[in-house]
Amino acid sequence: MAFIAKKKKSFFGRLSERINDALFMHQEVDEDMMDEIEEILITSDIGMDTTMNIMEELRQYIKVNMITMSKNVRKAIIEIITRLMDKGERNQLSQKRPLVIMMIGINGGGKTTTIAKLGNMLKEQGNTVMFAAADTFRAAAGEQLAIWGDRIGINTVRHQEGADPSAVLFDAIQSAKAKNIDVLICDTAGRLQTKKNLMTELAKMNRVISKEYPEAERETLLVLDATNGKNAVSQAKEFNDAAELTGVVITKLDGTAKGGIAITIADEYDMPIKFIGTGEGIHDLEVFDAAEFAGGIFDE
């Protein structure tokens, strides 16, 4: 992942510095060092449950491998975090075609930009791609997506503002089928007032896919803004309860110290991280790799 090489200092910020400082200050493994690491994790947007999981595994690792020097704890933490975040094939976007990707998330989280980045990535990989502008509630959302589509050569199916999102999706599916499109990426409303509304709307759209495009593989990706910290973790829980998520995209990790939320989401909700957004450019989207992510904490 290029973002690890380019942006790892800002990516983890104080988390990296504080853990390295703790290991340096305690040359030998002792309870004071373990308590300090635990406190650092808790205060770095890594949830309590996940912190306890990491610490339990770390204590076991130290015991089994008879580690006495703190410098060897670095490797243990990297291995533990990698294991927590590695969901195997679930971390990868489906390679089956045709594929319909439903993109969900609150307004302001970078959803539209992420759709453009993902569409461009898939196009550069040799796929034919189409956008469905089914976020018809936010003013100019369809226009914004269409502008991105024009820039990167991807057609956008859209209706007027306030139209039925499922009608937009229906038309997009018909067009995608007629044109033998490999991947249809569908934007969805980011401001539905209650979980029930969200579930109802997504269920309706999924019924349209089942009826009109039963042969298509599906992905439902939640876009989360890393700068929201623990609020992003709460969003993951809410959306996961309301929708059958297949993965998460973490955005705005280019200049934030809140990368810990990715660890929490992967562990506490068993949620695969599929992509990482590292900037505003069209190519600033990286395929997630658990080992490189964990290694980035220690600049390795």
C-alpha atoms as a PDB file:
ATOM      1  CA  MET A   1       0.000   0.000   0.000  1.00  0.00           C
ATOM      2  CA  ALA A   2       1.563   3.243  -1.121  1.00  0.00           C
ATOM      3  CA  PHE A   3      -0.055   5.230   1.675  1.00  0.00           C
ATOM      4  CA  ILE A   4       2.039   3.422   4.280  1.00  0.00           C
ATOM      5  CA  ALA A   5       5.241   4.553   2.612  1.00  0.00           C
ATOM      6  CA  LYS A   6       4.092   8.108   1.909  1.00  0.00           C
ATOM      7  CA  LYS A   7       1.961   9.075   4.869  1.00  0.00           C
ATOM      8  CA  LYS A   8       2.633   6.796   7.801  1.00  0.00           C
ATOM      9  CA  LYS A   9       3.793   9.548  10.201  1.00  0.00           C
ATOM     10  CA  SER A  10       0.611  11.584   9.861  1.00  0.00           C
ATOM     11  CA  PHE A  11      -1.420   8.403   9.494  1.00  0.00           C
ATOM     12  CA  PHE A  12      -0.877   7.198  13.042  1.00  0.00           C
ATOM     13  CA  GLY A  13       0.488  10.387  14.542  1.00  0.00           C
ATOM     14  CA  ARG A  14       0.748  10.193  18.315  1.00  0.00           C
ATOM     15  CA  LEU A  15      -0.191   6.500  18.481  1.00  0.00           C
ATOM     16  CA  SER A  16       3.080   5.520  16.808  1.00  0.00           C
ATOM     17  CA  GLU A  17       5.166   7.976  18.811  1.00  0.00           C
ATOM     18  CA  ARG A  18       3.641   7.097  22.182  1.00  0.00           C
ATOM     19  CA  ILE A  19       4.018   3.324  21.833  1.00  0.00           C
ATOM     20  CA  ASN A  20       7.600   3.664  20.628  1.00  0.00           C
ATOM     21  CA  ASP A  21       8.357   6.013  23.537  1.00  0.00           C
ATOM     22  CA  ALA A  22       6.851   3.544  26.027  1.00  0.00           C
ATOM     23  CA  LEU A  23       8.977   0.702  24.702  1.00  0.00           C
ATOM     24  CA  PHE A  24      12.093   2.874  24.759  1.00  0.00           C
ATOM     25  CA  MET A  25      11.523   4.044  28.336  1.00  0.00           C
ATOM     26  CA  HIS A  26      11.057   0.477  29.585  1.00  0.00           C
ATOM     27  CA  GLN A  27      14.027  -1.565  28.438  1.00  0.00           C
ATOM     28  CA  GLU A  28      12.615  -4.704  30.043  1.00  0.00           C
ATOM     29  CA  VAL A  29       9.067  -6.044  29.972  1.00  0.00           C
ATOM     30  CA  ASP A  30       7.299  -5.233  33.227  1.00  0.00           C
ATOM     31  CA  GLU A  31       3.809  -4.457  34.464  1.00  0.00           C
ATOM     32  CA  ASP A  32       4.381  -0.691  34.292  1.00  0.00           C
ATOM     33  CA  MET A  33       5.181  -0.975  30.581  1.00  0.00           C
ATOM     34  CA  MET A  34       2.090  -3.099  29.952  1.00  0.00           C
ATOM     35  CA  ASP A  35      -0.128  -0.627  31.814  1.00  0.00           C
ATOM     36  CA  GLU A  36       1.308   2.238  29.777  1.00  0.00           C
ATOM     37  CA  ILE A  37       0.673   0.456  26.469  1.00  0.00           C
ATOM     38  CA  GLU A  38      -2.884  -0.301  27.553  1.00  0.00           C
ATOM     39  CA  GLU A  39      -3.514   3.362  28.389  1.00  0.00           C
ATOM     40  CA  ILE A  40      -2.052   4.474  25.039  1.00  0.00           C
ATOM     41  CA  LEU A  41      -4.345   2.140  23.104  1.00  0.00           C
ATOM     42  CA  ILE A  42      -7.456   3.215  25.009  1.00  0.00           C
ATOM     43  CA  THR A  43      -6.734   6.894  24.358  1.00  0.00           C
ATOM     44  CA  SER A  44      -5.983   6.398  20.647  1.00  0.00           C
ATOM     45  CA  ASP A  45      -9.491   5.725  19.300  1.00  0.00           C
ATOM     46  CA  ILE A  46      -9.083   2.008  19.907  1.00  0.00           C
ATOM     47  CA  GLY A  47     -12.117   0.819  21.848  1.00  0.00           C
ATOM     48  CA  MET A  48     -11.984  -0.701  25.305  1.00  0.00           C
ATOM     49  CA  ASP A  49     -12.975  -4.197  24.162  1.00  0.00           C
ATOM     50  CA  THR A  50     -10.413  -4.202  21.365  1.00  0.00           C
ATOM     51  CA  THR A  51      -7.725  -2.874  23.698  1.00  0.00           C
ATOM     52  CA  MET A  52      -8.467  -5.678  26.148  1.00  0.00           C
ATOM     53  CA  ASN A  53      -8.247  -8.223  23.329  1.00  0.00           C
ATOM     54  CA  ILE A  54      -4.882  -6.836  22.218  1.00  0.00           C
ATOM     55  CA  MET A  55      -3.508  -6.787  25.766  1.00  0.00           C
ATOM     56  CA  GLU A  56      -4.714 -10.319  26.526  1.00  0.00           C
ATOM     57  CA  GLU A  57      -3.057 -11.657  23.388  1.00  0.00           C
ATOM     58  CA  LEU A  58       0.076  -9.613  24.067  1.00  0.00           C
ATOM     59  CA  ARG A  59       0.452 -11.047  27.581  1.00  0.00           C
ATOM     60  CA  GLN A  60      -0.008 -14.557  26.224  1.00  0.00           C
ATOM     61  CA  TYR A  61       2.500 -13.933  23.422  1.00  0.00           C
ATOM     62  CA  ILE A  62       5.083 -12.621  25.903  1.00  0.00           C
ATOM     63  CA  LYS A  63       4.569 -15.617  28.169  1.00  0.00           C
ATOM     64  CA  VAL A  64       4.713 -18.285  25.448  1.00  0.00           C
ATOM     65  CA  ASN A  65       7.728 -16.749  23.712  1.00  0.00           C
ATOM     66  CA  MET A  66       9.449 -15.822  26.990  1.00  0.00           C
ATOM     67  CA  ILE A  67      10.004 -12.227  25.899  1.00  0.00           C
ATOM     68  CA  THR A  68      11.968 -10.167  28.402  1.00  0.00           C
ATOM     69  CA  MET A  69      13.165  -7.186  26.333  1.00  0.00           C
ATOM     70  CA  SER A  70      10.670  -4.483  25.419  1.00  0.00           C
ATOM     71  CA  LYS A  71      12.121  -4.060  21.918  1.00  0.00           C
ATOM     72  CA  ASN A  72      10.710  -7.493  21.025  1.00  0.00           C
ATOM     73  CA  VAL A  73       7.203  -6.379  22.009  1.00  0.00           C
ATOM     74  CA  ARG A  74       6.982  -4.348  18.773  1.00  0.00           C
ATOM     75  CA  LYS A  75       6.825  -7.497  16.655  1.00  0.00           C
ATOM     76  CA  ALA A  76       4.189  -8.989  18.944  1.00  0.00           C
ATOM     77  CA  ILE A  77       1.868  -5.971  18.690  1.00  0.00           C
ATOM     78  CA  ILE A  78       2.203  -5.884  14.900  1.00  0.00           C
ATOM     79  CA  GLU A  79       1.341  -9.584  14.639  1.00  0.00           C
ATOM     80  CA  ILE A  80      -1.643  -9.244  16.982  1.00  0.00           C
ATOM     81  CA  ILE A  81      -3.136  -6.222  15.197  1.00  0.00           C
ATOM     82  CA  THR A  82      -2.555  -7.880  11.819  1.00  0.00           C
ATOM     83  CA  ARG A  83      -4.418 -10.964  13.003  1.00  0.00           C
ATOM     84  CA  LEU A  84      -7.329  -8.897  14.327  1.00  0.00           C
ATOM     85  CA  MET A  85      -7.705  -7.025  11.039  1.00  0.00           C
ATOM     86  CA  ASP A  86      -6.986  -9.782   8.541  1.00  0.00           C
ATOM     87  CA  LYS A  87     -10.334 -11.158   7.342  1.00  0.00           C
ATOM     88  CA  GLY A  88      -8.833 -13.168   4.490  1.00  0.00           C
ATOM     89  CA  GLU A  89     -10.768 -13.004   1.238  1.00  0.00           C
ATOM     90  CA  ARG A  90     -13.385 -10.804   2.908  1.00  0.00           C
ATOM     91  CA  ASN A  91     -10.876  -7.922   2.833  1.00  0.00           C
ATOM     92  CA  GLN A  92     -10.943  -8.063  -0.965  1.00  0.00           C
ATOM     93  CA  LEU A  93     -13.621  -6.632  -3.229  1.00  0.00           C
ATOM     94  CA  SER A  94     -15.484  -9.380  -5.066  1.00  0.00           C
ATOM     95  CA  GLN A  95     -13.948 -10.299  -8.409  1.00  0.00           C
ATOM     96  CA  LYS A  96     -17.189 -11.776  -9.746  1.00  0.00           C
ATOM     97  CA  ARG A  97     -18.916  -9.971 -12.591  1.00  0.00           C
ATOM     98  CA  PRO A  98     -21.394  -8.414 -13.005  1.00  0.00           C
ATOM     99  CA  LEU A  99     -21.078  -6.673  -9.642  1.00  0.00           C
ATOM    100  CA  VAL A 100     -23.370  -4.130  -7.965  1.00  0.00           C
ATOM    101  CA  ILE A 101     -21.760  -2.046  -5.211  1.00  0.00           C
ATOM    102  CA  MET A 102     -24.072  -0.169  -2.847  1.00  0.00           C
ATOM    103  CA  MET A 103     -22.235   2.740  -1.186  1.00  0.00           C
ATOM    104  CA  ILE A 104     -23.709   3.993   2.090  1.00  0.00           C
ATOM    105  CA  GLY A 105     -22.678   6.466   4.773  1.00  0.00           C
ATOM    106  CA  ILE A 106     -23.538   9.842   6.242  1.00  0.00           C
ATOM    107  CA  ASN A 107     -23.186  13.073   4.293  1.00  0.00           C
ATOM    108  CA  GLY A 108     -19.780  14.680   4.549  1.00  0.00           C
ATOM    109  CA  GLY A 109     -17.914  11.407   4.993  1.00  0.00           C
ATOM    110  CA  GLY A 110     -16.409  11.416   1.518  1.00  0.00           C
ATOM    111  CA  LYS A 111     -18.878   8.988  -0.041  1.00  0.00           C
ATOM    112  CA  THR A 112     -19.218  10.654  -3.457  1.00  0.00           C
ATOM    113  CA  THR A 113     -15.479  11.187  -3.818  1.00  0.00           C
ATOM    114  CA  THR A 114     -14.854   7.585  -2.775  1.00  0.00           C
ATOM    115  CA  ILE A 115     -17.270   6.355  -5.453  1.00  0.00           C
ATOM    116  CA  ALA A 116     -15.298   8.303  -8.045  1.00  0.00           C
ATOM    117  CA  LYS A 117     -11.969   6.930  -6.780  1.00  0.00           C
ATOM    118  CA  LEU A 118     -13.266   3.354  -6.691  1.00  0.00           C
ATOM    119  CA  GLY A 119     -14.848   3.659 -10.126  1.00  0.00           C
ATOM    120  CA  ASN A 120     -11.611   5.004 -11.537  1.00  0.00           C
ATOM    121  CA  MET A 121      -9.594   2.217  -9.907  1.00  0.00           C
ATOM    122  CA  LEU A 122     -11.892  -0.461 -11.321  1.00  0.00           C
ATOM    123  CA  LYS A 123     -11.831   1.159 -14.758  1.00  0.00           C
ATOM    124  CA  GLU A 124      -8.026   1.237 -14.752  1.00  0.00           C
ATOM    125  CA  GLN A 125      -8.102  -2.467 -13.894  1.00  0.00           C
ATOM    126  CA  GLY A 126      -9.979  -3.083 -17.156  1.00  0.00           C
ATOM    127  CA  ASN A 127     -13.579  -3.123 -15.934  1.00  0.00           C
ATOM    128  CA  THR A 128     -16.453  -1.261 -17.527  1.00  0.00           C
ATOM    129  CA  VAL A 129     -18.109   0.869 -14.842  1.00  0.00           C
ATOM    130  CA  MET A 130     -21.355   2.807 -14.429  1.00  0.00           C
ATOM    131  CA  PHE A 131     -22.610   5.087 -11.630  1.00  0.00           C
ATOM    132  CA  ALA A 132     -26.173   5.262 -10.278  1.00  0.00           C
ATOM    133  CA  ALA A 133     -26.915   8.574  -8.540  1.00  0.00           C
ATOM    134  CA  ALA A 134     -29.534   7.262  -6.105  1.00  0.00           C
ATOM    135  CA  ASP A 135     -28.811   9.828  -3.384  1.00  0.00           C
ATOM    136  CA  THR A 136     -31.730  11.948  -4.555  1.00  0.00           C
ATOM    137  CA  PHE A 137     -32.313  13.680  -1.205  1.00  0.00           C
ATOM    138  CA  ARG A 138     -29.121  15.732  -0.962  1.00  0.00           C
ATOM    139  CA  ALA A 139     -29.117  18.832  -3.142  1.00  0.00           C
ATOM    140  CA  ALA A 140     -26.867  18.476  -6.205  1.00  0.00           C
ATOM    141  CA  ALA A 141     -25.626  15.026  -5.132  1.00  0.00           C
ATOM    142  CA  GLY A 142     -26.457  13.557  -8.549  1.00  0.00           C
ATOM    143  CA  GLU A 143     -24.831  16.469 -10.327  1.00  0.00           C
ATOM    144  CA  GLN A 144     -21.691  16.123  -8.226  1.00  0.00           C
ATOM    145  CA  LEU A 145     -21.404  12.422  -9.036  1.00  0.00           C
ATOM    146  CA  ALA A 146     -22.043  13.075 -12.733  1.00  0.00           C
ATOM    147  CA  ILE A 147     -19.258  15.671 -12.807  1.00  0.00           C
ATOM    148  CA  TRP A 148     -16.859  13.138 -11.360  1.00  0.00           C
ATOM    149  CA  GLY A 149     -18.085  10.577 -13.890  1.00  0.00           C
ATOM    150  CA  ASP A 150     -17.464  12.956 -16.786  1.00  0.00           C
ATOM    151  CA  ARG A 151     -13.927  13.620 -15.560  1.00  0.00           C
ATOM    152  CA  ILE A 152     -12.975   9.956 -15.522  1.00  0.00           C
ATOM    153  CA  GLY A 153     -15.121   8.752 -18.424  1.00  0.00           C
ATOM    154  CA  ILE A 154     -17.843   6.907 -16.498  1.00  0.00           C
ATOM    155  CA  ASN A 155     -21.517   7.315 -17.361  1.00  0.00           C
ATOM    156  CA  THR A 156     -23.908   8.324 -14.558  1.00  0.00           C
ATOM    157  CA  VAL A 157     -27.604   7.413 -14.477  1.00  0.00           C
ATOM    158  CA  ARG A 158     -29.581  10.020 -12.522  1.00  0.00           C
ATOM    159  CA  HIS A 159     -33.062  11.453 -12.091  1.00  0.00           C
ATOM    160  CA  GLN A 160     -34.267  14.785 -10.790  1.00  0.00           C
ATOM    161  CA  GLU A 161     -33.748  15.738  -7.151  1.00  0.00           C
ATOM    162  CA  GLY A 162     -36.248  14.042  -4.836  1.00  0.00           C
ATOM    163  CA  ALA A 163     -36.912  11.114  -7.168  1.00  0.00           C
ATOM    164  CA  ASP A 164     -37.394   7.577  -5.880  1.00  0.00           C
ATOM    165  CA  PRO A 165     -33.891   6.099  -5.339  1.00  0.00           C
ATOM    166  CA  SER A 166     -35.111   2.652  -6.347  1.00  0.00           C
ATOM    167  CA  ALA A 167     -36.346   4.063  -9.667  1.00  0.00           C
ATOM    168  CA  VAL A 168     -32.870   5.438 -10.330  1.00  0.00           C
ATOM    169  CA  LEU A 169     -31.363   2.063  -9.508  1.00  0.00           C
ATOM    170  CA  PHE A 170     -33.908   0.296 -11.737  1.00  0.00           C
ATOM    171  CA  ASP A 171     -32.968   2.446 -14.729  1.00  0.00           C
ATOM    172  CA  ALA A 172     -29.266   2.049 -14.013  1.00  0.00           C
ATOM    173  CA  ILE A 173     -29.605  -1.727 -13.915  1.00  0.00           C
ATOM    174  CA  GLN A 174     -31.424  -1.782 -17.253  1.00  0.00           C
ATOM    175  CA  SER A 175     -28.706   0.375 -18.793  1.00  0.00           C
ATOM    176  CA  ALA A 176     -25.913  -1.678 -17.236  1.00  0.00           C
ATOM    177  CA  LYS A 177     -27.404  -4.912 -18.533  1.00  0.00           C
ATOM    178  CA  ALA A 178     -27.924  -3.501 -22.020  1.00  0.00           C
ATOM    179  CA  LYS A 179     -24.332  -2.278 -22.171  1.00  0.00           C
ATOM    180  CA  ASN A 180     -22.786  -5.341 -20.485  1.00  0.00           C
ATOM    181  CA  ILE A 181     -21.305  -3.203 -17.719  1.00  0.00           C
ATOM    182  CA  ASP A 182     -19.004  -5.080 -15.332  1.00  0.00           C
ATOM    183  CA  VAL A 183     -19.515  -2.967 -12.203  1.00  0.00           C
ATOM    184  CA  LEU A 184     -22.460  -0.746 -11.251  1.00  0.00           C
ATOM    185  CA  ILE A 185     -21.718   1.540  -8.284  1.00  0.00           C
ATOM    186  CA  CYS A 186     -24.790   2.986  -6.613  1.00  0.00           C
ATOM    187  CA  ASP A 187     -24.726   6.082  -4.390  1.00  0.00           C
ATOM    188  CA  THR A 188     -27.388   6.065  -1.656  1.00  0.00           C
ATOM    189  CA  ALA A 189     -28.918   8.675   0.625  1.00  0.00           C
ATOM    190  CA  GLY A 190     -26.674   9.776   3.456  1.00  0.00           C
ATOM    191  CA  ARG A 191     -29.382  11.398   5.542  1.00  0.00           C
ATOM    192  CA  LEU A 192     -32.224   9.101   6.478  1.00  0.00           C
ATOM    193  CA  GLN A 193     -33.796  10.168   9.751  1.00  0.00           C
ATOM    194  CA  THR A 194     -34.154   6.810  11.441  1.00  0.00           C
ATOM    195  CA  LYS A 195     -32.679   3.333  11.230  1.00  0.00           C
ATOM    196  CA  LYS A 196     -36.098   2.069  10.129  1.00  0.00           C
ATOM    197  CA  ASN A 197     -36.101   4.469   7.157  1.00  0.00           C
ATOM    198  CA  LEU A 198     -32.616   3.335   6.215  1.00  0.00           C
ATOM    199  CA  MET A 199     -33.523  -0.328   6.424  1.00  0.00           C
ATOM    200  CA  THR A 200     -36.711   0.209   4.436  1.00  0.00           C
ATOM    201  CA  GLU A 201     -34.953   2.121   1.674  1.00  0.00           C
ATOM    202  CA  LEU A 202     -32.043  -0.313   1.365  1.00  0.00           C
ATOM    203  CA  ALA A 203     -34.390  -3.296   1.479  1.00  0.00           C
ATOM    204  CA  LYS A 204     -36.434  -1.807  -1.358  1.00  0.00           C
ATOM    205  CA  MET A 205     -33.312  -1.217  -3.441  1.00  0.00           C
ATOM    206  CA  ASN A 206     -32.058  -4.730  -2.772  1.00  0.00           C
ATOM    207  CA  ARG A 207     -35.396  -6.123  -3.913  1.00  0.00           C
ATOM    208  CA  VAL A 208     -34.950  -4.244  -7.177  1.00  0.00           C
ATOM    209  CA  ILE A 209     -31.538  -5.855  -7.638  1.00  0.00           C
ATOM    210  CA  SER A 210     -32.899  -9.312  -6.791  1.00  0.00           C
ATOM    211  CA  LYS A 211     -35.706  -8.987  -9.290  1.00  0.00           C
ATOM    212  CA  GLU A 212     -33.975  -7.163 -12.123  1.00  0.00           C
ATOM    213  CA  TYR A 213     -30.393  -8.351 -11.773  1.00  0.00           C
ATOM    214  CA  PRO A 214     -30.381 -11.702  -9.932  1.00  0.00           C
ATOM    215  CA  GLU A 215     -27.170 -12.805 -11.634  1.00  0.00           C
ATOM    216  CA  ALA A 216     -25.199  -9.871 -10.195  1.00  0.00           C
ATOM    217  CA  GLU A 217     -22.807 -10.247  -7.264  1.00  0.00           C
ATOM    218  CA  ARG A 218     -23.321  -7.648  -4.520  1.00  0.00           C
ATOM    219  CA  GLU A 219     -21.206  -5.583  -2.174  1.00  0.00           C
ATOM    220  CA  THR A 220     -22.499  -3.080   0.402  1.00  0.00           C
ATOM    221  CA  LEU A 221     -19.719  -0.759   1.534  1.00  0.00           C
ATOM    222  CA  LEU A 222     -19.891   1.757   4.369  1.00  0.00           C
ATOM    223  CA  VAL A 223     -17.802   4.909   3.931  1.00  0.00           C
ATOM    224  CA  LEU A 224     -16.456   6.285   7.227  1.00  0.00           C
ATOM    225  CA  ASP A 225     -14.528   9.485   7.909  1.00  0.00           C
ATOM    226  CA  ALA A 226     -11.512   8.704  10.126  1.00  0.00           C
ATOM    227  CA  THR A 227     -11.457  12.225  11.544  1.00  0.00           C
ATOM    228  CA  ASN A 228     -14.753  11.456  13.307  1.00  0.00           C
ATOM    229  CA  GLY A 229     -12.913   9.077  15.632  1.00  0.00           C
ATOM    230  CA  LYS A 230     -15.217   7.235  18.014  1.00  0.00           C
ATOM    231  CA  ASN A 231     -18.269   8.702  16.240  1.00  0.00           C
ATOM    232  CA  ALA A 232     -17.239   6.755  13.156  1.00  0.00           C
ATOM    233  CA  VAL A 233     -17.193   3.571  15.237  1.00  0.00           C
ATOM    234  CA  SER A 234     -20.745   4.342  16.382  1.00  0.00           C
ATOM    235  CA  GLN A 235     -21.773   4.861  12.755  1.00  0.00           C
ATOM    236  CA  ALA A 236     -20.317   1.475  11.867  1.00  0.00           C
ATOM    237  CA  LYS A 237     -22.487  -0.162  14.504  1.00  0.00           C
ATOM    238  CA  GLU A 238     -25.649   1.687  13.417  1.00  0.00           C
ATOM    239  CA  PHE A 239     -25.215   0.984   9.717  1.00  0.00           C
ATOM    240  CA  ASN A 240     -24.178  -2.614  10.329  1.00  0.00           C
ATOM    241  CA  ASP A 241     -27.390  -3.122  12.314  1.00  0.00           C
ATOM    242  CA  ALA A 242     -29.432  -1.574   9.501  1.00  0.00           C
ATOM    243  CA  ALA A 243     -27.735  -3.093   6.477  1.00  0.00           C
ATOM    244  CA  GLU A 244     -25.898  -6.261   5.562  1.00  0.00           C
ATOM    245  CA  LEU A 245     -22.500  -4.648   5.152  1.00  0.00           C
ATOM    246  CA  THR A 246     -19.765  -6.526   3.317  1.00  0.00           C
ATOM    247  CA  GLY A 247     -17.024  -4.049   4.151  1.00  0.00           C
ATOM    248  CA  VAL A 248     -15.854  -0.586   5.110  1.00  0.00           C
ATOM    249  CA  VAL A 249     -13.903   2.174   3.393  1.00  0.00           C
ATOM    250  CA  ILE A 250     -12.005   4.458   5.798  1.00  0.00           C
ATOM    251  CA  THR A 251     -11.523   7.955   4.333  1.00  0.00           C
ATOM    252  CA  LYS A 252      -9.459  11.023   5.248  1.00  0.00           C
ATOM    253  CA  LEU A 253      -6.479   9.178   6.679  1.00  0.00           C
ATOM    254  CA  ASP A 254      -4.060  11.542   4.936  1.00  0.00           C
ATOM    255  CA  GLY A 255      -3.587  13.853   7.893  1.00  0.00           C
ATOM    256  CA  THR A 256      -5.213  12.286  10.940  1.00  0.00           C
ATOM    257  CA  ALA A 257      -4.019  10.491  14.034  1.00  0.00           C
ATOM    258  CA  LYS A 258      -7.248   8.514  14.311  1.00  0.00           C
ATOM    259  CA  GLY A 259      -6.307   5.351  12.428  1.00  0.00           C
ATOM    260  CA  GLY A 260      -7.163   3.344  15.532  1.00  0.00           C
ATOM    261  CA  ILE A 261     -10.839   3.288  14.595  1.00  0.00           C
ATOM    262  CA  ALA A 262     -10.034   0.858  11.786  1.00  0.00           C
ATOM    263  CA  ILE A 263      -8.665  -1.634  14.326  1.00  0.00           C
ATOM    264  CA  THR A 264     -11.766  -1.307  16.497  1.00  0.00           C
ATOM    265  CA  ILE A 265     -14.187  -1.707  13.599  1.00  0.00           C
ATOM    266  CA  ALA A 266     -12.375  -4.762  12.268  1.00  0.00           C
ATOM    267  CA  ASP A 267     -12.219  -6.423  15.684  1.00  0.00           C
ATOM    268  CA  GLU A 268     -15.419  -5.516  17.540  1.00  0.00           C
ATOM    269  CA  TYR A 269     -17.741  -5.829  14.529  1.00  0.00           C
ATOM    270  CA  ASP A 270     -15.747  -8.433  12.565  1.00  0.00           C
ATOM    271  CA  MET A 271     -15.908  -5.957   9.699  1.00  0.00           C
ATOM    272  CA  PRO A 272     -13.429  -6.218   6.807  1.00  0.00           C
ATOM    273  CA  ILE A 273     -11.699  -2.997   5.791  1.00  0.00           C
ATOM    274  CA  LYS A 274     -11.645  -3.001   1.981  1.00  0.00           C
ATOM    275  CA  PHE A 275     -10.051   0.342   1.103  1.00  0.00           C
ATOM    276  CA  ILE A 276      -8.276   3.309   2.686  1.00  0.00           C
ATOM    277  CA  GLY A 277      -8.711   6.859   1.413  1.00  0.00           C
ATOM    278  CA  THR A 278      -5.526   8.921   1.775  1.00  0.00           C
ATOM    279  CA  GLY A 279      -6.314  12.225   0.054  1.00  0.00           C
ATOM    280  CA  GLU A 280      -8.566  14.107  -2.340  1.00  0.00           C
ATOM    281  CA  GLY A 281      -6.912  13.012  -5.585  1.00  0.00           C
ATOM    282  CA  ILE A 282      -8.582  10.498  -7.881  1.00  0.00           C
ATOM    283  CA  HIS A 283      -5.829   7.943  -7.187  1.00  0.00           C
ATOM    284  CA  ASP A 284      -5.820   8.462  -3.410  1.00  0.00           C
ATOM    285  CA  LEU A 285      -7.551   5.165  -2.648  1.00  0.00           C
ATOM    286  CA  GLU A 286      -5.559   2.143  -1.530  1.00  0.00           C
ATOM    287  CA  VAL A 287      -6.502  -1.515  -1.257  1.00  0.00           C
ATOM    288  CA  PHE A 288      -6.311  -2.428   2.423  1.00  0.00           C
ATOM    289  CA  ASP A 289      -3.530  -4.717   3.630  1.00  0.00           C
ATOM    290  CA  ALA A 290      -3.649  -5.714   7.308  1.00  0.00           C
ATOM    291  CA  ALA A 291       0.066  -6.471   7.694  1.00  0.00           C
ATOM    292  CA  GLU A 292       1.184  -3.187   6.144  1.00  0.00           C
ATOM    293  CA  PHE A 293      -1.401  -1.274   8.153  1.00  0.00           C
ATOM    294  CA  ALA A 294      -0.182  -2.787  11.442  1.00  0.00           C
ATOM    295  CA  GLY A 295       3.451  -2.329  10.466  1.00  0.00           C
ATOM    296  CA  GLY A 296       2.741   1.327   9.796  1.00  0.00           C
ATOM    297  CA  ILE A 297       2.198   1.900  13.505  1.00  0.00           C
ATOM    298  CA  PHE A 298       5.934   1.370  14.005  1.00  0.00           C
ATOM    299  CA  ASP A 299       7.072   2.767  10.639  1.00  0.00           C
ATOM    300  CA  GLU A 300       7.926  -0.758   9.472  1.00  0.00           C
END
